[in-house]
């Protein structure tokens, strides 16, 4: 992307990633196990990343958030923070899916897999050029095992099938760098299923 200055936030899973990039040089704050603490830790991590990059929000060309799928609460926290920065600075947003943060860990055909609870998984299949081969969906363990025979499975959390341990922060940065100005716009949460609260309401 031609726009070199940005702040990116990922609170979609158990990890926390914050990337501040100035003139193409990125500073990353990554916490692998931040489950249920995103709202507490996020702004400190943002301050740390911006400070290390010598970047101010006003100098950012855009703000990025990971839109999901993943933790419903986490996704909302990250998107809300990024939207707040966009509104304050008058800058556009960039949404990156959780699947992309995993798939961009390999240059081969990849299946991004994320635990979805109840023994199910969110999955999305990518070609080597990161175009989508298998549309985002929820599968069970048997289907995940079958797909593992066709793809390099990329995951940030342990799986029951052979998988590549992904670095979500590194994947996020690569995914951002693969985008262009036409990808900038608004942010919307990417959910593949209803939240537990919504399911319990019916």
N, C-alpha and C. Protein backbone atom coordinates (compact mmCIF):
# COMPACT_ATOMS: atom_id res chain seq x y z
N UNK A 1 0.84 -1.20 0.00
CA UNK A 1 0.00 0.00 0.00
C UNK A 1 0.88 1.25 0.00
N UNK A 2 0.51 2.21 -0.81
CA UNK A 2 1.30 3.43 -0.94
C UNK A 2 1.27 4.26 0.33
N UNK A 3 0.20 4.11 1.11
CA UNK A 3 0.07 4.86 2.35
C UNK A 3 0.96 4.20 3.41
N UNK A 4 1.95 4.91 3.90
CA UNK A 4 2.99 4.30 4.72
C UNK A 4 2.79 4.40 6.22
N UNK A 5 1.93 5.30 6.66
CA UNK A 5 1.76 5.51 8.11
C UNK A 5 0.39 4.99 8.56
N UNK A 6 0.39 4.06 9.50
CA UNK A 6 -0.89 3.52 9.96
C UNK A 6 -0.79 2.90 11.34
N UNK A 7 -1.95 2.71 11.94
CA UNK A 7 -2.07 1.98 13.20
C UNK A 7 -3.04 0.83 12.96
N UNK A 8 -2.65 -0.38 13.34
CA UNK A 8 -3.49 -1.57 13.14
C UNK A 8 -3.71 -2.27 14.47
N UNK A 9 -4.95 -2.75 14.67
CA UNK A 9 -5.36 -3.36 15.93
C UNK A 9 -6.01 -4.72 15.66
N UNK A 10 -5.61 -5.73 16.43
CA UNK A 10 -6.26 -7.04 16.34
C UNK A 10 -6.60 -7.52 17.75
N UNK A 11 -7.89 -7.53 18.06
CA UNK A 11 -8.36 -8.04 19.35
C UNK A 11 -9.38 -9.15 19.12
N UNK A 12 -9.27 -9.83 17.98
CA UNK A 12 -10.29 -10.80 17.56
C UNK A 12 -10.16 -12.17 18.23
N UNK A 13 -9.01 -12.45 18.83
CA UNK A 13 -8.79 -13.76 19.43
C UNK A 13 -8.19 -13.65 20.82
N UNK A 14 -7.52 -14.72 21.25
CA UNK A 14 -6.89 -14.69 22.57
C UNK A 14 -5.70 -13.75 22.61
N UNK A 15 -5.12 -13.49 21.45
CA UNK A 15 -3.93 -12.63 21.38
C UNK A 15 -4.35 -11.16 21.24
N UNK A 16 -3.38 -10.30 21.39
CA UNK A 16 -3.53 -8.87 21.14
C UNK A 16 -2.38 -8.43 20.24
N UNK A 17 -2.71 -7.83 19.11
CA UNK A 17 -1.69 -7.29 18.21
C UNK A 17 -1.96 -5.82 17.97
N UNK A 18 -0.93 -5.01 18.13
CA UNK A 18 -1.01 -3.59 17.75
C UNK A 18 0.24 -3.27 16.94
N UNK A 19 0.03 -2.74 15.75
CA UNK A 19 1.15 -2.39 14.87
C UNK A 19 1.08 -0.91 14.54
N UNK A 20 2.16 -0.20 14.79
CA UNK A 20 2.28 1.20 14.38
C UNK A 20 3.37 1.26 13.31
N UNK A 21 3.04 1.81 12.17
CA UNK A 21 3.99 1.84 11.06
C UNK A 21 4.20 3.28 10.59
N UNK A 22 5.44 3.70 10.57
CA UNK A 22 5.79 5.04 10.10
C UNK A 22 6.81 4.94 8.99
N UNK A 23 6.49 5.53 7.85
CA UNK A 23 7.38 5.53 6.69
C UNK A 23 7.83 4.11 6.33
N UNK A 24 6.90 3.16 6.47
CA UNK A 24 7.20 1.78 6.09
C UNK A 24 7.91 0.97 7.15
N UNK A 25 8.25 1.56 8.28
CA UNK A 25 8.93 0.84 9.36
C UNK A 25 7.92 0.55 10.47
N UNK A 26 7.72 -0.74 10.75
CA UNK A 26 6.67 -1.16 11.67
C UNK A 26 7.21 -1.50 13.06
N UNK A 27 6.46 -1.09 14.07
CA UNK A 27 6.72 -1.47 15.45
C UNK A 27 5.50 -2.25 15.95
N UNK A 28 5.75 -3.45 16.50
CA UNK A 28 4.65 -4.33 16.89
C UNK A 28 4.65 -4.61 18.38
N UNK A 29 3.49 -4.52 18.98
CA UNK A 29 3.27 -4.97 20.35
C UNK A 29 2.36 -6.19 20.26
N UNK A 30 2.84 -7.33 20.74
CA UNK A 30 2.07 -8.57 20.63
C UNK A 30 2.03 -9.27 21.97
N UNK A 31 0.83 -9.63 22.39
CA UNK A 31 0.65 -10.42 23.60
C UNK A 31 -0.13 -11.67 23.21
N UNK A 32 0.48 -12.83 23.41
CA UNK A 32 -0.12 -14.08 22.91
C UNK A 32 -1.38 -14.47 23.68
N UNK A 33 -1.38 -14.24 24.98
CA UNK A 33 -2.54 -14.64 25.77
C UNK A 33 -3.13 -13.43 26.48
N UNK A 34 -4.10 -12.82 25.82
CA UNK A 34 -4.70 -11.61 26.36
C UNK A 34 -6.22 -11.77 26.48
N UNK A 35 -6.68 -13.01 26.50
CA UNK A 35 -8.11 -13.30 26.50
C UNK A 35 -8.82 -12.58 27.65
N UNK A 36 -9.93 -11.94 27.29
CA UNK A 36 -10.78 -11.21 28.24
C UNK A 36 -10.12 -9.96 28.83
N UNK A 37 -8.93 -9.61 28.34
CA UNK A 37 -8.23 -8.43 28.86
C UNK A 37 -8.02 -7.37 27.78
N UNK A 38 -8.62 -7.55 26.62
CA UNK A 38 -8.38 -6.61 25.52
C UNK A 38 -8.74 -5.18 25.88
N UNK A 39 -9.89 -5.01 26.53
CA UNK A 39 -10.33 -3.65 26.86
C UNK A 39 -9.40 -2.99 27.86
N UNK A 40 -8.75 -3.79 28.69
CA UNK A 40 -7.83 -3.27 29.70
C UNK A 40 -6.48 -2.94 29.09
N UNK A 41 -6.00 -3.80 28.19
CA UNK A 41 -4.65 -3.70 27.67
C UNK A 41 -4.51 -2.88 26.39
N UNK A 42 -5.59 -2.73 25.65
CA UNK A 42 -5.47 -2.18 24.30
C UNK A 42 -4.82 -0.81 24.23
N UNK A 43 -5.32 0.15 25.00
CA UNK A 43 -4.81 1.51 24.83
C UNK A 43 -3.36 1.65 25.29
N UNK A 44 -2.96 0.88 26.31
CA UNK A 44 -1.55 0.88 26.70
C UNK A 44 -0.68 0.34 25.57
N UNK A 45 -1.17 -0.72 24.91
CA UNK A 45 -0.42 -1.31 23.79
C UNK A 45 -0.35 -0.33 22.62
N UNK A 46 -1.45 0.38 22.37
CA UNK A 46 -1.47 1.40 21.32
C UNK A 46 -0.45 2.50 21.62
N UNK A 47 -0.46 2.99 22.85
CA UNK A 47 0.49 4.04 23.25
C UNK A 47 1.93 3.56 23.09
N UNK A 48 2.18 2.31 23.48
CA UNK A 48 3.54 1.77 23.37
C UNK A 48 3.98 1.67 21.92
N UNK A 49 3.11 1.15 21.06
CA UNK A 49 3.47 0.98 19.65
C UNK A 49 3.69 2.34 18.97
N UNK A 50 2.79 3.30 19.23
CA UNK A 50 2.94 4.62 18.63
C UNK A 50 4.22 5.30 19.10
N UNK A 51 4.51 5.15 20.39
CA UNK A 51 5.72 5.76 20.95
C UNK A 51 6.97 5.18 20.31
N UNK A 52 7.01 3.87 20.19
CA UNK A 52 8.19 3.21 19.60
C UNK A 52 8.37 3.57 18.13
N UNK A 53 7.25 3.82 17.44
CA UNK A 53 7.32 4.17 16.02
C UNK A 53 7.49 5.67 15.80
N UNK A 54 7.45 6.45 16.91
CA UNK A 54 7.50 7.92 16.82
C UNK A 54 6.40 8.42 15.88
N UNK A 55 5.20 7.89 16.12
CA UNK A 55 4.06 8.19 15.27
C UNK A 55 2.91 8.73 16.12
N UNK A 56 2.22 9.74 15.61
CA UNK A 56 1.03 10.24 16.30
C UNK A 56 -0.20 9.84 15.48
N UNK A 57 -1.36 9.70 16.12
CA UNK A 57 -2.56 9.35 15.37
C UNK A 57 -2.85 10.32 14.23
N UNK A 58 -2.54 11.58 14.42
CA UNK A 58 -2.79 12.59 13.39
C UNK A 58 -1.96 12.34 12.13
N UNK A 59 -0.82 11.68 12.31
CA UNK A 59 0.07 11.43 11.18
C UNK A 59 -0.28 10.15 10.42
N UNK A 60 -1.23 9.38 10.94
CA UNK A 60 -1.61 8.13 10.28
C UNK A 60 -2.42 8.41 9.01
N UNK A 61 -2.15 7.63 7.97
CA UNK A 61 -2.91 7.74 6.72
C UNK A 61 -4.23 6.99 6.82
N UNK A 62 -4.26 5.95 7.65
CA UNK A 62 -5.49 5.19 7.87
C UNK A 62 -5.34 4.38 9.15
N UNK A 63 -6.45 3.83 9.62
CA UNK A 63 -6.45 2.97 10.81
C UNK A 63 -7.08 1.64 10.43
N UNK A 64 -6.48 0.56 10.95
CA UNK A 64 -6.90 -0.78 10.57
C UNK A 64 -7.37 -1.57 11.79
N UNK A 65 -8.40 -2.39 11.60
CA UNK A 65 -8.83 -3.32 12.64
C UNK A 65 -9.13 -4.66 12.00
N UNK A 66 -8.88 -5.72 12.76
CA UNK A 66 -9.25 -7.06 12.31
C UNK A 66 -10.72 -7.26 12.64
N UNK A 67 -11.50 -7.64 11.63
CA UNK A 67 -12.96 -7.62 11.72
C UNK A 67 -13.58 -8.96 12.11
N UNK A 68 -12.77 -10.01 12.24
CA UNK A 68 -13.29 -11.32 12.62
C UNK A 68 -13.17 -12.31 11.46
N UNK A 69 -13.69 -13.51 11.67
CA UNK A 69 -14.45 -13.96 12.84
C UNK A 69 -13.55 -14.24 14.04
N UNK A 70 -14.20 -14.41 15.18
CA UNK A 70 -13.46 -14.68 16.42
C UNK A 70 -14.32 -14.31 17.61
N UNK A 71 -13.68 -13.73 18.62
CA UNK A 71 -14.38 -13.31 19.83
C UNK A 71 -15.30 -12.13 19.53
N UNK A 72 -16.60 -12.28 19.79
CA UNK A 72 -17.55 -11.21 19.50
C UNK A 72 -17.18 -9.94 20.24
N UNK A 73 -16.90 -10.06 21.53
CA UNK A 73 -16.54 -8.90 22.34
C UNK A 73 -15.23 -8.30 21.86
N UNK A 74 -14.24 -9.14 21.61
CA UNK A 74 -12.94 -8.67 21.15
C UNK A 74 -13.03 -7.91 19.84
N UNK A 75 -13.79 -8.46 18.90
CA UNK A 75 -13.95 -7.81 17.60
C UNK A 75 -14.55 -6.41 17.76
N UNK A 76 -15.57 -6.31 18.61
CA UNK A 76 -16.21 -5.01 18.82
C UNK A 76 -15.24 -4.00 19.44
N UNK A 77 -14.40 -4.47 20.36
CA UNK A 77 -13.44 -3.59 21.00
C UNK A 77 -12.46 -3.01 19.98
N UNK A 78 -11.91 -3.88 19.13
CA UNK A 78 -10.93 -3.43 18.14
C UNK A 78 -11.53 -2.50 17.11
N UNK A 79 -12.71 -2.85 16.61
CA UNK A 79 -13.36 -2.00 15.60
C UNK A 79 -13.75 -0.65 16.19
N UNK A 80 -14.27 -0.66 17.41
CA UNK A 80 -14.66 0.60 18.05
C UNK A 80 -13.46 1.52 18.24
N UNK A 81 -12.33 0.93 18.65
CA UNK A 81 -11.13 1.74 18.85
C UNK A 81 -10.65 2.34 17.53
N UNK A 82 -10.60 1.52 16.49
CA UNK A 82 -10.14 2.01 15.19
C UNK A 82 -11.09 3.08 14.64
N UNK A 83 -12.39 2.86 14.80
CA UNK A 83 -13.36 3.85 14.33
C UNK A 83 -13.20 5.17 15.09
N UNK A 84 -12.89 5.07 16.38
CA UNK A 84 -12.67 6.27 17.18
C UNK A 84 -11.49 7.07 16.66
N UNK A 85 -10.40 6.38 16.33
CA UNK A 85 -9.23 7.05 15.77
C UNK A 85 -9.57 7.67 14.41
N UNK A 86 -10.32 6.93 13.58
CA UNK A 86 -10.69 7.44 12.26
C UNK A 86 -11.50 8.73 12.39
N UNK A 87 -12.46 8.72 13.31
CA UNK A 87 -13.32 9.89 13.50
C UNK A 87 -12.53 11.08 14.00
N UNK A 88 -11.63 10.83 14.95
CA UNK A 88 -10.85 11.92 15.55
C UNK A 88 -9.87 12.52 14.55
N UNK A 89 -9.27 11.68 13.72
CA UNK A 89 -8.24 12.14 12.80
C UNK A 89 -8.78 12.44 11.40
N UNK A 90 -10.04 12.06 11.15
CA UNK A 90 -10.62 12.29 9.84
C UNK A 90 -9.97 11.44 8.76
N UNK A 91 -9.63 10.20 9.10
CA UNK A 91 -8.93 9.32 8.16
C UNK A 91 -9.77 8.07 7.87
N UNK A 92 -9.51 7.39 6.76
CA UNK A 92 -10.28 6.18 6.41
C UNK A 92 -9.82 4.96 7.20
N UNK A 93 -10.58 3.89 7.04
CA UNK A 93 -10.29 2.64 7.75
C UNK A 93 -9.98 1.52 6.77
N UNK A 94 -9.33 0.49 7.30
CA UNK A 94 -9.06 -0.72 6.53
C UNK A 94 -9.43 -1.91 7.39
N UNK A 95 -10.26 -2.78 6.87
CA UNK A 95 -10.61 -4.00 7.58
C UNK A 95 -9.84 -5.19 7.04
N UNK A 96 -9.29 -5.99 7.95
CA UNK A 96 -8.58 -7.22 7.60
C UNK A 96 -9.28 -8.36 8.34
N UNK A 97 -9.53 -9.47 7.68
CA UNK A 97 -10.20 -10.58 8.37
C UNK A 97 -9.20 -11.37 9.21
N UNK A 98 -9.71 -12.05 10.21
CA UNK A 98 -8.87 -12.94 11.02
C UNK A 98 -8.24 -14.02 10.14
N UNK A 99 -8.98 -14.45 9.13
CA UNK A 99 -8.46 -15.47 8.21
C UNK A 99 -7.19 -14.98 7.51
N UNK A 100 -7.20 -13.72 7.09
CA UNK A 100 -6.03 -13.18 6.38
C UNK A 100 -4.81 -13.11 7.29
N UNK A 101 -5.01 -12.79 8.57
CA UNK A 101 -3.86 -12.70 9.48
C UNK A 101 -3.17 -14.06 9.63
N UNK A 102 -3.91 -15.13 9.39
CA UNK A 102 -3.34 -16.48 9.46
C UNK A 102 -2.76 -16.91 8.11
N UNK A 103 -3.54 -16.72 7.05
CA UNK A 103 -3.13 -17.20 5.72
C UNK A 103 -1.87 -16.52 5.22
N UNK A 104 -1.65 -15.27 5.62
CA UNK A 104 -0.46 -14.55 5.15
C UNK A 104 0.81 -14.99 5.89
N UNK A 105 0.72 -16.08 6.65
CA UNK A 105 1.91 -16.66 7.27
C UNK A 105 2.61 -17.65 6.34
N UNK A 106 2.01 -17.96 5.22
CA UNK A 106 2.63 -18.89 4.29
C UNK A 106 2.41 -18.40 2.86
N UNK A 107 3.32 -18.77 1.97
CA UNK A 107 3.18 -18.37 0.57
C UNK A 107 2.52 -19.48 -0.25
N UNK A 108 2.11 -20.55 0.43
CA UNK A 108 1.48 -21.67 -0.26
C UNK A 108 -0.05 -21.58 -0.12
N UNK A 109 -0.73 -22.53 -0.71
CA UNK A 109 -2.18 -22.69 -0.54
C UNK A 109 -2.47 -22.91 0.94
N UNK A 110 -3.38 -22.15 1.51
CA UNK A 110 -3.54 -22.17 2.97
C UNK A 110 -5.01 -22.26 3.38
N UNK A 111 -5.24 -22.97 4.47
CA UNK A 111 -6.55 -22.99 5.11
C UNK A 111 -6.42 -22.32 6.47
N UNK A 112 -7.03 -21.16 6.62
CA UNK A 112 -7.03 -20.49 7.91
C UNK A 112 -8.10 -21.12 8.78
N UNK A 113 -7.74 -21.53 10.00
CA UNK A 113 -8.68 -22.22 10.89
C UNK A 113 -8.68 -21.56 12.27
N UNK A 114 -9.89 -21.29 12.78
CA UNK A 114 -10.08 -20.62 14.06
C UNK A 114 -11.14 -21.37 14.86
N UNK A 115 -10.86 -21.76 16.11
CA UNK A 115 -11.88 -22.44 16.92
C UNK A 115 -13.15 -21.60 17.02
N UNK A 116 -14.30 -22.26 16.82
CA UNK A 116 -15.59 -21.56 16.86
C UNK A 116 -16.45 -22.03 18.01
N UNK A 117 -15.88 -22.87 18.89
CA UNK A 117 -16.64 -23.39 20.02
C UNK A 117 -17.44 -24.62 19.65
N UNK A 118 -17.78 -25.42 20.65
CA UNK A 118 -18.59 -26.63 20.47
C UNK A 118 -17.98 -27.60 19.46
N UNK A 119 -16.66 -27.63 19.39
CA UNK A 119 -15.98 -28.56 18.49
C UNK A 119 -15.99 -28.16 17.04
N UNK A 120 -16.42 -26.94 16.76
CA UNK A 120 -16.46 -26.43 15.39
C UNK A 120 -15.34 -25.44 15.12
N UNK A 121 -15.15 -25.13 13.84
CA UNK A 121 -14.06 -24.23 13.44
C UNK A 121 -14.52 -23.30 12.33
N UNK A 122 -14.09 -22.05 12.41
CA UNK A 122 -14.23 -21.14 11.28
C UNK A 122 -13.08 -21.45 10.33
N UNK A 123 -13.38 -21.61 9.04
CA UNK A 123 -12.31 -21.86 8.08
C UNK A 123 -12.50 -21.03 6.82
N UNK A 124 -11.41 -20.79 6.14
CA UNK A 124 -11.42 -20.11 4.84
C UNK A 124 -10.19 -20.57 4.08
N UNK A 125 -10.38 -20.99 2.83
CA UNK A 125 -9.26 -21.50 2.04
C UNK A 125 -8.73 -20.46 1.06
N UNK A 126 -7.41 -20.35 1.00
CA UNK A 126 -6.75 -19.36 0.15
C UNK A 126 -5.80 -20.04 -0.84
N UNK A 127 -5.75 -19.50 -2.04
CA UNK A 127 -4.73 -19.91 -3.01
C UNK A 127 -3.40 -19.28 -2.61
N UNK A 128 -2.34 -19.66 -3.30
CA UNK A 128 -1.02 -19.11 -2.97
C UNK A 128 -0.98 -17.59 -3.11
N UNK A 129 -1.78 -17.04 -4.04
CA UNK A 129 -1.81 -15.58 -4.24
C UNK A 129 -2.80 -14.89 -3.29
N UNK A 130 -3.36 -15.68 -2.36
CA UNK A 130 -4.29 -15.22 -1.33
C UNK A 130 -5.68 -14.84 -1.85
N UNK A 131 -5.99 -15.27 -3.06
CA UNK A 131 -7.38 -15.21 -3.49
C UNK A 131 -8.12 -16.36 -2.79
N UNK A 132 -9.42 -16.20 -2.60
CA UNK A 132 -10.17 -17.18 -1.81
C UNK A 132 -10.62 -18.36 -2.66
N UNK A 133 -10.25 -19.56 -2.23
CA UNK A 133 -10.65 -20.79 -2.90
C UNK A 133 -11.85 -21.44 -2.22
N UNK A 134 -11.90 -21.34 -0.90
CA UNK A 134 -12.99 -21.91 -0.11
C UNK A 134 -13.61 -20.79 0.71
N UNK A 135 -14.87 -20.51 0.45
CA UNK A 135 -15.50 -19.39 1.12
C UNK A 135 -15.58 -19.61 2.63
N UNK A 136 -15.59 -18.54 3.42
CA UNK A 136 -15.65 -18.65 4.88
C UNK A 136 -16.87 -19.46 5.32
N UNK A 137 -16.64 -20.40 6.24
CA UNK A 137 -17.72 -21.26 6.72
C UNK A 137 -17.34 -21.88 8.06
N UNK A 138 -18.32 -22.53 8.67
CA UNK A 138 -18.09 -23.25 9.93
C UNK A 138 -18.12 -24.75 9.64
N UNK A 139 -17.10 -25.47 10.10
CA UNK A 139 -17.02 -26.91 9.87
C UNK A 139 -16.74 -27.63 11.18
N UNK A 140 -17.03 -28.93 11.18
CA UNK A 140 -16.72 -29.76 12.32
C UNK A 140 -15.33 -30.35 12.21
N UNK A 141 -14.95 -31.16 13.20
CA UNK A 141 -13.61 -31.73 13.25
C UNK A 141 -13.32 -32.64 12.07
N UNK A 142 -14.32 -33.42 11.65
CA UNK A 142 -14.11 -34.36 10.54
C UNK A 142 -13.82 -33.62 9.24
N UNK A 143 -14.58 -32.56 8.98
CA UNK A 143 -14.37 -31.78 7.76
C UNK A 143 -13.03 -31.04 7.82
N UNK A 144 -12.65 -30.56 9.00
CA UNK A 144 -11.35 -29.91 9.16
C UNK A 144 -10.23 -30.89 8.82
N UNK A 145 -10.36 -32.13 9.29
CA UNK A 145 -9.35 -33.15 9.01
C UNK A 145 -9.27 -33.44 7.51
N UNK A 146 -10.41 -33.46 6.84
CA UNK A 146 -10.41 -33.69 5.40
C UNK A 146 -9.73 -32.53 4.66
N UNK A 147 -10.05 -31.32 5.06
CA UNK A 147 -9.46 -30.15 4.41
C UNK A 147 -7.96 -30.07 4.66
N UNK A 148 -7.53 -30.59 5.80
CA UNK A 148 -6.09 -30.57 6.12
C UNK A 148 -5.29 -31.39 5.12
N UNK A 149 -5.97 -32.30 4.41
CA UNK A 149 -5.29 -33.07 3.37
C UNK A 149 -5.12 -32.31 2.08
N UNK A 150 -5.82 -31.17 1.95
CA UNK A 150 -5.77 -30.37 0.73
C UNK A 150 -4.98 -29.07 0.88
N UNK A 151 -4.86 -28.60 2.12
CA UNK A 151 -4.26 -27.29 2.37
C UNK A 151 -3.18 -27.38 3.44
N UNK A 152 -2.31 -26.36 3.48
CA UNK A 152 -1.50 -26.10 4.66
C UNK A 152 -2.40 -25.37 5.64
N UNK A 153 -2.69 -26.00 6.79
CA UNK A 153 -3.58 -25.38 7.77
C UNK A 153 -2.78 -24.38 8.61
N UNK A 154 -3.28 -23.15 8.69
CA UNK A 154 -2.64 -22.10 9.48
C UNK A 154 -3.55 -21.74 10.65
N UNK A 155 -3.01 -21.75 11.86
CA UNK A 155 -3.80 -21.45 13.04
C UNK A 155 -2.93 -20.79 14.10
N UNK A 156 -3.54 -19.97 14.93
CA UNK A 156 -2.82 -19.32 16.03
C UNK A 156 -2.96 -20.10 17.32
N UNK A 157 -3.95 -21.01 17.35
CA UNK A 157 -4.20 -21.82 18.54
C UNK A 157 -4.09 -23.29 18.18
N UNK A 158 -3.78 -24.17 19.15
CA UNK A 158 -3.57 -25.59 18.87
C UNK A 158 -4.80 -26.26 18.23
N UNK A 159 -4.53 -27.12 17.25
CA UNK A 159 -5.58 -27.88 16.57
C UNK A 159 -5.28 -29.37 16.66
N UNK A 160 -6.29 -30.17 16.34
CA UNK A 160 -6.12 -31.63 16.38
C UNK A 160 -5.57 -32.18 15.08
N UNK A 161 -5.34 -31.31 14.09
CA UNK A 161 -4.77 -31.72 12.81
C UNK A 161 -3.40 -31.05 12.65
N UNK A 162 -2.55 -31.59 11.77
CA UNK A 162 -1.26 -30.92 11.53
C UNK A 162 -1.49 -29.48 11.05
N UNK A 163 -0.75 -28.54 11.64
CA UNK A 163 -0.97 -27.14 11.27
C UNK A 163 0.32 -26.35 11.43
N UNK A 164 0.35 -25.22 10.73
CA UNK A 164 1.45 -24.26 10.85
C UNK A 164 1.07 -23.26 11.93
N UNK A 165 1.91 -23.13 12.95
CA UNK A 165 1.66 -22.15 14.02
C UNK A 165 1.87 -20.76 13.46
N UNK A 166 0.78 -20.03 13.32
CA UNK A 166 0.83 -18.72 12.69
C UNK A 166 1.19 -17.63 13.69
N UNK A 167 1.83 -16.59 13.19
CA UNK A 167 2.09 -15.37 13.94
C UNK A 167 1.07 -14.35 13.45
N UNK A 168 -0.01 -14.12 14.22
CA UNK A 168 -1.08 -13.24 13.73
C UNK A 168 -0.62 -11.82 13.45
N UNK A 169 0.34 -11.32 14.22
CA UNK A 169 0.82 -9.95 14.00
C UNK A 169 1.59 -9.84 12.70
N UNK A 170 2.47 -10.82 12.44
CA UNK A 170 3.23 -10.81 11.19
C UNK A 170 2.31 -10.97 10.00
N UNK A 171 1.30 -11.83 10.15
CA UNK A 171 0.34 -12.03 9.08
C UNK A 171 -0.50 -10.78 8.83
N UNK A 172 -0.85 -10.08 9.90
CA UNK A 172 -1.62 -8.84 9.78
C UNK A 172 -0.83 -7.80 8.99
N UNK A 173 0.45 -7.66 9.31
CA UNK A 173 1.28 -6.68 8.60
C UNK A 173 1.40 -7.02 7.12
N UNK A 174 1.62 -8.31 6.82
CA UNK A 174 1.72 -8.72 5.41
C UNK A 174 0.41 -8.49 4.67
N UNK A 175 -0.71 -8.77 5.34
CA UNK A 175 -2.02 -8.58 4.72
C UNK A 175 -2.26 -7.11 4.40
N UNK A 176 -1.90 -6.24 5.34
CA UNK A 176 -2.07 -4.79 5.12
C UNK A 176 -1.23 -4.34 3.92
N UNK A 177 0.00 -4.81 3.87
CA UNK A 177 0.92 -4.39 2.80
C UNK A 177 0.46 -4.88 1.42
N UNK A 178 -0.40 -5.91 1.40
CA UNK A 178 -0.91 -6.45 0.14
C UNK A 178 -2.13 -5.68 -0.37
N UNK A 179 -2.65 -4.78 0.46
CA UNK A 179 -3.85 -4.03 0.08
C UNK A 179 -3.48 -2.75 -0.69
N UNK A 180 -4.51 -2.12 -1.23
CA UNK A 180 -4.31 -0.86 -1.95
C UNK A 180 -5.34 0.16 -1.48
N UNK A 181 -5.24 1.36 -1.97
CA UNK A 181 -6.13 2.43 -1.52
C UNK A 181 -7.60 2.11 -1.77
N UNK A 182 -7.89 1.33 -2.80
CA UNK A 182 -9.28 1.00 -3.10
C UNK A 182 -9.91 0.13 -2.01
N UNK A 183 -9.07 -0.48 -1.15
CA UNK A 183 -9.59 -1.32 -0.07
C UNK A 183 -9.97 -0.52 1.17
N UNK A 184 -9.62 0.76 1.18
CA UNK A 184 -9.96 1.60 2.32
C UNK A 184 -11.45 1.92 2.32
N UNK A 185 -12.02 2.06 3.50
CA UNK A 185 -13.44 2.36 3.59
C UNK A 185 -13.91 2.35 5.03
N UNK A 186 -15.04 1.73 5.27
CA UNK A 186 -15.59 1.66 6.63
C UNK A 186 -15.24 0.30 7.24
N UNK A 187 -15.53 0.16 8.53
CA UNK A 187 -15.27 -1.10 9.23
C UNK A 187 -16.59 -1.74 9.64
N UNK A 188 -16.72 -3.03 9.40
CA UNK A 188 -17.90 -3.78 9.82
C UNK A 188 -17.46 -5.13 10.36
N UNK A 189 -18.05 -5.53 11.46
CA UNK A 189 -17.69 -6.83 12.05
C UNK A 189 -18.07 -7.96 11.10
N UNK A 190 -17.21 -8.96 11.05
CA UNK A 190 -17.41 -10.13 10.19
C UNK A 190 -17.73 -11.33 11.07
N UNK A 191 -19.02 -11.64 11.18
CA UNK A 191 -19.46 -12.76 12.00
C UNK A 191 -19.95 -13.89 11.10
N UNK A 192 -19.64 -15.12 11.47
CA UNK A 192 -20.15 -16.28 10.74
C UNK A 192 -21.27 -16.99 11.49
N UNK A 193 -21.48 -16.61 12.73
CA UNK A 193 -22.57 -17.20 13.51
C UNK A 193 -23.05 -16.17 14.52
N UNK A 194 -24.17 -16.46 15.14
CA UNK A 194 -24.69 -15.57 16.17
C UNK A 194 -23.87 -15.73 17.45
N UNK A 195 -23.87 -14.69 18.28
CA UNK A 195 -23.18 -14.76 19.55
C UNK A 195 -23.92 -15.73 20.48
N UNK A 196 -23.24 -16.15 21.54
CA UNK A 196 -23.84 -17.06 22.51
C UNK A 196 -25.12 -16.45 23.10
N UNK A 197 -25.07 -15.16 23.38
CA UNK A 197 -26.23 -14.47 23.95
C UNK A 197 -27.42 -14.49 22.98
N UNK A 198 -27.12 -14.27 21.69
CA UNK A 198 -28.18 -14.28 20.68
C UNK A 198 -28.77 -15.67 20.52
N UNK A 199 -27.88 -16.70 20.55
CA UNK A 199 -28.36 -18.08 20.43
C UNK A 199 -29.23 -18.46 21.64
N UNK A 200 -28.83 -18.00 22.82
CA UNK A 200 -29.57 -18.34 24.04
C UNK A 200 -30.92 -17.62 24.12
N UNK A 201 -31.06 -16.56 23.35
CA UNK A 201 -32.29 -15.77 23.39
C UNK A 201 -33.43 -16.44 22.63
N UNK A 202 -33.09 -17.44 21.81
CA UNK A 202 -34.12 -18.10 20.99
C UNK A 202 -34.50 -19.44 21.57
